Amino acid sequence: MINGSELLRRWVDDPASTPADLDKLLAADEADWLMRRQAALLY
């Protein structure tokens, strides 16, 4: 079982998908998370 969004399901179901494709799909969300977590870092 994979938990995630519709985006993840489509990536998993596509036989032509590569790990690099997933990295591209998630890049914006990862950048947003990195920015938001900055306030919680202690060091």
C-alpha atoms as a PDB file:
ATOM      1  CA  MET A   1       0.000   0.000   0.000  1.00  0.00           C
ATOM      2  CA  ILE A   2       1.305   3.414  -0.940  1.00  0.00           C
ATOM      3  CA  ASN A   3       0.036   6.508   0.813  1.00  0.00           C
ATOM      4  CA  GLY A   4       0.034   9.660  -1.217  1.00  0.00           C
ATOM      5  CA  SER A   5      -1.862  11.828  -3.612  1.00  0.00           C
ATOM      6  CA  GLU A   6      -3.350  11.146  -7.010  1.00  0.00           C
ATOM      7  CA  LEU A   7      -0.068  12.447  -8.427  1.00  0.00           C
ATOM      8  CA  LEU A   8       1.857   9.618  -6.770  1.00  0.00           C
ATOM      9  CA  ARG A   9      -0.625   6.990  -7.920  1.00  0.00           C
ATOM     10  CA  ARG A  10      -0.359   8.152 -11.542  1.00  0.00           C
ATOM     11  CA  TRP A  11       3.441   8.097 -11.331  1.00  0.00           C
ATOM     12  CA  VAL A  12       3.424   4.548  -9.910  1.00  0.00           C
ATOM     13  CA  ASP A  13       0.922   3.327 -12.504  1.00  0.00           C
ATOM     14  CA  ASP A  14       2.888   4.746 -15.454  1.00  0.00           C
ATOM     15  CA  PRO A  15       5.344   2.068 -16.668  1.00  0.00           C
ATOM     16  CA  ALA A  16       7.464   4.761 -18.345  1.00  0.00           C
ATOM     17  CA  SER A  17       7.941   6.761 -15.123  1.00  0.00           C
ATOM     18  CA  THR A  18      11.414   7.096 -13.683  1.00  0.00           C
ATOM     19  CA  PRO A  19      12.658   8.240 -10.271  1.00  0.00           C
ATOM     20  CA  ALA A  20      13.805  11.471 -11.945  1.00  0.00           C
ATOM     21  CA  ASP A  21      10.216  12.101 -13.055  1.00  0.00           C
ATOM     22  CA  LEU A  22       9.044  11.831  -9.462  1.00  0.00           C
ATOM     23  CA  ASP A  23      11.783  14.203  -8.327  1.00  0.00           C
ATOM     24  CA  LYS A  24      10.554  16.778 -10.850  1.00  0.00           C
ATOM     25  CA  LEU A  25       6.945  16.361  -9.750  1.00  0.00           C
ATOM     26  CA  LEU A  26       7.805  16.894  -6.089  1.00  0.00           C
ATOM     27  CA  ALA A  27      10.415  19.657  -6.413  1.00  0.00           C
ATOM     28  CA  ALA A  28       8.031  22.567  -5.738  1.00  0.00           C
ATOM     29  CA  ASP A  29       6.512  20.898  -2.651  1.00  0.00           C
ATOM     30  CA  GLU A  30       9.968  20.054  -1.314  1.00  0.00           C
ATOM     31  CA  ALA A  31      11.177  23.637  -1.784  1.00  0.00           C
ATOM     32  CA  ASP A  32       8.094  24.918   0.054  1.00  0.00           C
ATOM     33  CA  TRP A  33       8.694  22.482   2.921  1.00  0.00           C
ATOM     34  CA  LEU A  34      12.357  23.505   3.210  1.00  0.00           C
ATOM     35  CA  MET A  35      11.336  27.156   3.479  1.00  0.00           C
ATOM     36  CA  ARG A  36       8.581  26.505   6.054  1.00  0.00           C
ATOM     37  CA  ARG A  37      10.736  24.297   8.300  1.00  0.00           C
ATOM     38  CA  GLN A  38      13.406  26.973   8.597  1.00  0.00           C
ATOM     39  CA  ALA A  39      11.524  28.657  11.478  1.00  0.00           C
ATOM     40  CA  ALA A  40      11.540  25.415  13.486  1.00  0.00           C
ATOM     41  CA  LEU A  41      15.260  24.661  13.206  1.00  0.00           C
ATOM     42  CA  LEU A  42      17.231  25.112  16.395  1.00  0.00           C
ATOM     43  CA  TYR A  43      20.717  24.875  14.911  1.00  0.00           C
END
